[in-house]
Amino acid sequence: MSTITRVRGDDWSIPGTLESGGAAVNLTGATVTAMMRPTVEATTGAVSFTVTVTNAAAGAITLSLTDTQTAALKAGTYAYDVQVVLSNVTTTYGAGSKLTVLGDATR
C-alpha cells in the first residue's frame, strides 16, 4: 500500500509501475482504468484518472487529472487503485492505496 500527496487545483501526473510478485505486469493489449473515492465503499464523489500506458511490456503507467478536476476536490484522504482487464481477466492493483489532497490557499 502506498500514499501519494498532491495539491488541489494543480494538474496531477503520477507515474508508476504495476508489479505482481516482484515482476512487472505486461500490459500489452490490456485495458487499464483507475479511480479515487473518498472511501473504497463510497458511491459518490468518484473521480476517474486518465491512464496512459507509457511502456506496456514494463508495466509502466501514468495517472493524470487536470487542474479543473482537482480543484473540485475537498482536502482530505482518498482511496485509489488501478484495474487491469486482459483476456477477460480483471485484476486490481494497489487496493487500499491512499491519496492525500492538500488544500490550496491561492486559487
C-alpha atoms as a PDB file:
ATOM      1  CA  MET A   1       0.000   0.000   0.000  1.00  0.00           C
ATOM      2  CA  SER A   2       1.287   3.455  -0.835  1.00  0.00           C
ATOM      3  CA  THR A   3       0.315   7.026  -0.040  1.00  0.00           C
ATOM      4  CA  ILE A   4       0.651   9.862  -2.540  1.00  0.00           C
ATOM      5  CA  THR A   5       0.226  13.543  -1.685  1.00  0.00           C
ATOM      6  CA  ARG A   6      -0.897  16.175  -4.213  1.00  0.00           C
ATOM      7  CA  VAL A   7      -2.272  19.744  -4.070  1.00  0.00           C
ATOM      8  CA  ARG A   8      -5.882  20.555  -5.001  1.00  0.00           C
ATOM      9  CA  GLY A   9      -6.172  22.774  -8.091  1.00  0.00           C
ATOM     10  CA  ASP A  10      -2.934  21.515  -9.690  1.00  0.00           C
ATOM     11  CA  ASP A  11      -2.509  19.270 -12.718  1.00  0.00           C
ATOM     12  CA  TRP A  12      -1.523  15.820 -11.473  1.00  0.00           C
ATOM     13  CA  SER A  13       0.770  13.380 -13.237  1.00  0.00           C
ATOM     14  CA  ILE A  14       1.529  10.280 -11.171  1.00  0.00           C
ATOM     15  CA  PRO A  15       3.919   7.773 -12.772  1.00  0.00           C
ATOM     16  CA  GLY A  16       4.159   4.195 -11.575  1.00  0.00           C
ATOM     17  CA  THR A  17       4.817   0.577 -12.454  1.00  0.00           C
ATOM     18  CA  LEU A  18       2.387  -2.282 -11.919  1.00  0.00           C
ATOM     19  CA  GLU A  19       4.024  -5.380 -10.470  1.00  0.00           C
ATOM     20  CA  SER A  20       2.941  -8.830  -9.380  1.00  0.00           C
ATOM     21  CA  GLY A  21       5.251 -10.996  -7.290  1.00  0.00           C
ATOM     22  CA  GLY A  22       8.100  -8.540  -7.865  1.00  0.00           C
ATOM     23  CA  ALA A  23       7.839  -8.704 -11.664  1.00  0.00           C
ATOM     24  CA  ALA A  24       6.422  -6.045 -13.978  1.00  0.00           C
ATOM     25  CA  VAL A  25       2.926  -6.755 -15.313  1.00  0.00           C
ATOM     26  CA  ASN A  26       2.921  -6.843 -19.122  1.00  0.00           C
ATOM     27  CA  LEU A  27       0.081  -4.516 -20.143  1.00  0.00           C
ATOM     28  CA  THR A  28       0.210  -5.253 -23.867  1.00  0.00           C
ATOM     29  CA  GLY A  29      -3.403  -5.449 -25.068  1.00  0.00           C
ATOM     30  CA  ALA A  30      -4.814  -4.579 -21.634  1.00  0.00           C
ATOM     31  CA  THR A  31      -7.457  -2.016 -20.702  1.00  0.00           C
ATOM     32  CA  VAL A  32      -6.263  -0.048 -17.688  1.00  0.00           C
ATOM     33  CA  THR A  33      -8.519   2.173 -15.562  1.00  0.00           C
ATOM     34  CA  ALA A  34      -8.086   3.923 -12.219  1.00  0.00           C
ATOM     35  CA  MET A  35     -10.383   5.755  -9.823  1.00  0.00           C
ATOM     36  CA  MET A  36     -10.238   7.503  -6.487  1.00  0.00           C
ATOM     37  CA  ARG A  37     -13.070   7.889  -3.990  1.00  0.00           C
ATOM     38  CA  PRO A  38     -13.449   9.429  -0.525  1.00  0.00           C
ATOM     39  CA  THR A  39     -13.509   5.823   0.786  1.00  0.00           C
ATOM     40  CA  VAL A  40     -13.437   2.480  -1.003  1.00  0.00           C
ATOM     41  CA  GLU A  41     -17.131   1.998  -0.192  1.00  0.00           C
ATOM     42  CA  ALA A  42     -18.285   5.489  -1.269  1.00  0.00           C
ATOM     43  CA  THR A  43     -20.917   5.515  -4.002  1.00  0.00           C
ATOM     44  CA  THR A  44     -20.483   9.227  -4.756  1.00  0.00           C
ATOM     45  CA  GLY A  45     -17.507  11.507  -5.207  1.00  0.00           C
ATOM     46  CA  ALA A  46     -15.599   9.191  -7.523  1.00  0.00           C
ATOM     47  CA  VAL A  47     -13.016  10.687  -9.861  1.00  0.00           C
ATOM     48  CA  SER A  48     -11.643   8.747 -12.840  1.00  0.00           C
ATOM     49  CA  PHE A  49      -7.997   9.178 -13.707  1.00  0.00           C
ATOM     50  CA  THR A  50      -6.803   9.358 -17.280  1.00  0.00           C
ATOM     51  CA  VAL A  51      -4.452   6.371 -17.540  1.00  0.00           C
ATOM     52  CA  THR A  52      -1.606   6.405 -20.047  1.00  0.00           C
ATOM     53  CA  VAL A  53       0.392   3.230 -20.576  1.00  0.00           C
ATOM     54  CA  THR A  54       3.912   4.557 -21.127  1.00  0.00           C
ATOM     55  CA  ASN A  55       5.692   1.194 -21.516  1.00  0.00           C
ATOM     56  CA  ALA A  56       3.329  -1.780 -21.804  1.00  0.00           C
ATOM     57  CA  ALA A  57       5.951  -4.539 -21.526  1.00  0.00           C
ATOM     58  CA  ALA A  58       7.436  -2.937 -18.390  1.00  0.00           C
ATOM     59  CA  GLY A  59       4.033  -2.264 -16.743  1.00  0.00           C
ATOM     60  CA  ALA A  60       4.666   1.492 -16.707  1.00  0.00           C
ATOM     61  CA  ILE A  61       1.678   3.828 -16.453  1.00  0.00           C
ATOM     62  CA  THR A  62       0.893   7.443 -15.620  1.00  0.00           C
ATOM     63  CA  LEU A  63      -2.292   8.508 -13.803  1.00  0.00           C
ATOM     64  CA  SER A  64      -3.428  12.044 -14.621  1.00  0.00           C
ATOM     65  CA  LEU A  65      -6.053  14.565 -13.543  1.00  0.00           C
ATOM     66  CA  THR A  66      -6.476  18.128 -14.798  1.00  0.00           C
ATOM     67  CA  ASP A  67      -6.367  21.202 -12.591  1.00  0.00           C
ATOM     68  CA  THR A  68     -10.109  21.618 -13.175  1.00  0.00           C
ATOM     69  CA  GLN A  69     -10.785  18.103 -11.870  1.00  0.00           C
ATOM     70  CA  THR A  70      -8.592  18.512  -8.800  1.00  0.00           C
ATOM     71  CA  ALA A  71      -9.973  21.984  -7.985  1.00  0.00           C
ATOM     72  CA  ALA A  72     -13.343  20.328  -7.337  1.00  0.00           C
ATOM     73  CA  LEU A  73     -11.890  18.026  -4.648  1.00  0.00           C
ATOM     74  CA  LYS A  74     -12.090  18.638  -0.927  1.00  0.00           C
ATOM     75  CA  ALA A  75      -8.865  18.438   1.040  1.00  0.00           C
ATOM     76  CA  GLY A  76      -8.530  15.047   2.710  1.00  0.00           C
ATOM     77  CA  THR A  77      -7.539  11.447   2.142  1.00  0.00           C
ATOM     78  CA  TYR A  78      -8.971   9.365  -0.689  1.00  0.00           C
ATOM     79  CA  ALA A  79      -8.723   5.686  -1.657  1.00  0.00           C
ATOM     80  CA  TYR A  80      -7.499   4.720  -5.125  1.00  0.00           C
ATOM     81  CA  ASP A  81      -6.486   1.679  -7.125  1.00  0.00           C
ATOM     82  CA  VAL A  82      -5.764   0.566 -10.689  1.00  0.00           C
ATOM     83  CA  GLN A  83      -7.757  -2.085 -12.541  1.00  0.00           C
ATOM     84  CA  VAL A  84      -6.367  -4.080 -15.465  1.00  0.00           C
ATOM     85  CA  VAL A  85      -8.517  -6.165 -17.814  1.00  0.00           C
ATOM     86  CA  LEU A  86      -6.542  -8.573 -20.012  1.00  0.00           C
ATOM     87  CA  SER A  87      -8.010 -11.554 -21.845  1.00  0.00           C
ATOM     88  CA  ASN A  88     -11.280 -11.118 -19.904  1.00  0.00           C
ATOM     89  CA  VAL A  89      -9.442 -11.387 -16.567  1.00  0.00           C
ATOM     90  CA  THR A  90      -9.800  -8.419 -14.206  1.00  0.00           C
ATOM     91  CA  THR A  91      -7.034  -7.724 -11.708  1.00  0.00           C
ATOM     92  CA  THR A  92      -6.885  -4.825  -9.244  1.00  0.00           C
ATOM     93  CA  TYR A  93      -3.524  -3.365  -8.208  1.00  0.00           C
ATOM     94  CA  GLY A  94      -2.870  -1.091  -5.260  1.00  0.00           C
ATOM     95  CA  ALA A  95      -6.110  -1.874  -3.422  1.00  0.00           C
ATOM     96  CA  GLY A  96      -6.112   0.125  -0.212  1.00  0.00           C
ATOM     97  CA  SER A  97      -3.759   2.801  -1.525  1.00  0.00           C
ATOM     98  CA  LYS A  98      -4.274   6.344  -0.264  1.00  0.00           C
ATOM     99  CA  LEU A  99      -4.017   9.734  -1.928  1.00  0.00           C
ATOM    100  CA  THR A 100      -3.871  12.804   0.302  1.00  0.00           C
ATOM    101  CA  VAL A 101      -5.210  16.019  -1.222  1.00  0.00           C
ATOM    102  CA  LEU A 102      -3.798  19.173   0.330  1.00  0.00           C
ATOM    103  CA  GLY A 103      -5.848  22.368   0.274  1.00  0.00           C
ATOM    104  CA  ASP A 104      -4.548  25.393  -1.608  1.00  0.00           C
ATOM    105  CA  ALA A 105      -4.835  28.996  -0.474  1.00  0.00           C
ATOM    106  CA  THR A 106      -4.020  30.504  -3.861  1.00  0.00           C
ATOM    107  CA  ARG A 107      -6.941  29.734  -6.167  1.00  0.00           C
END
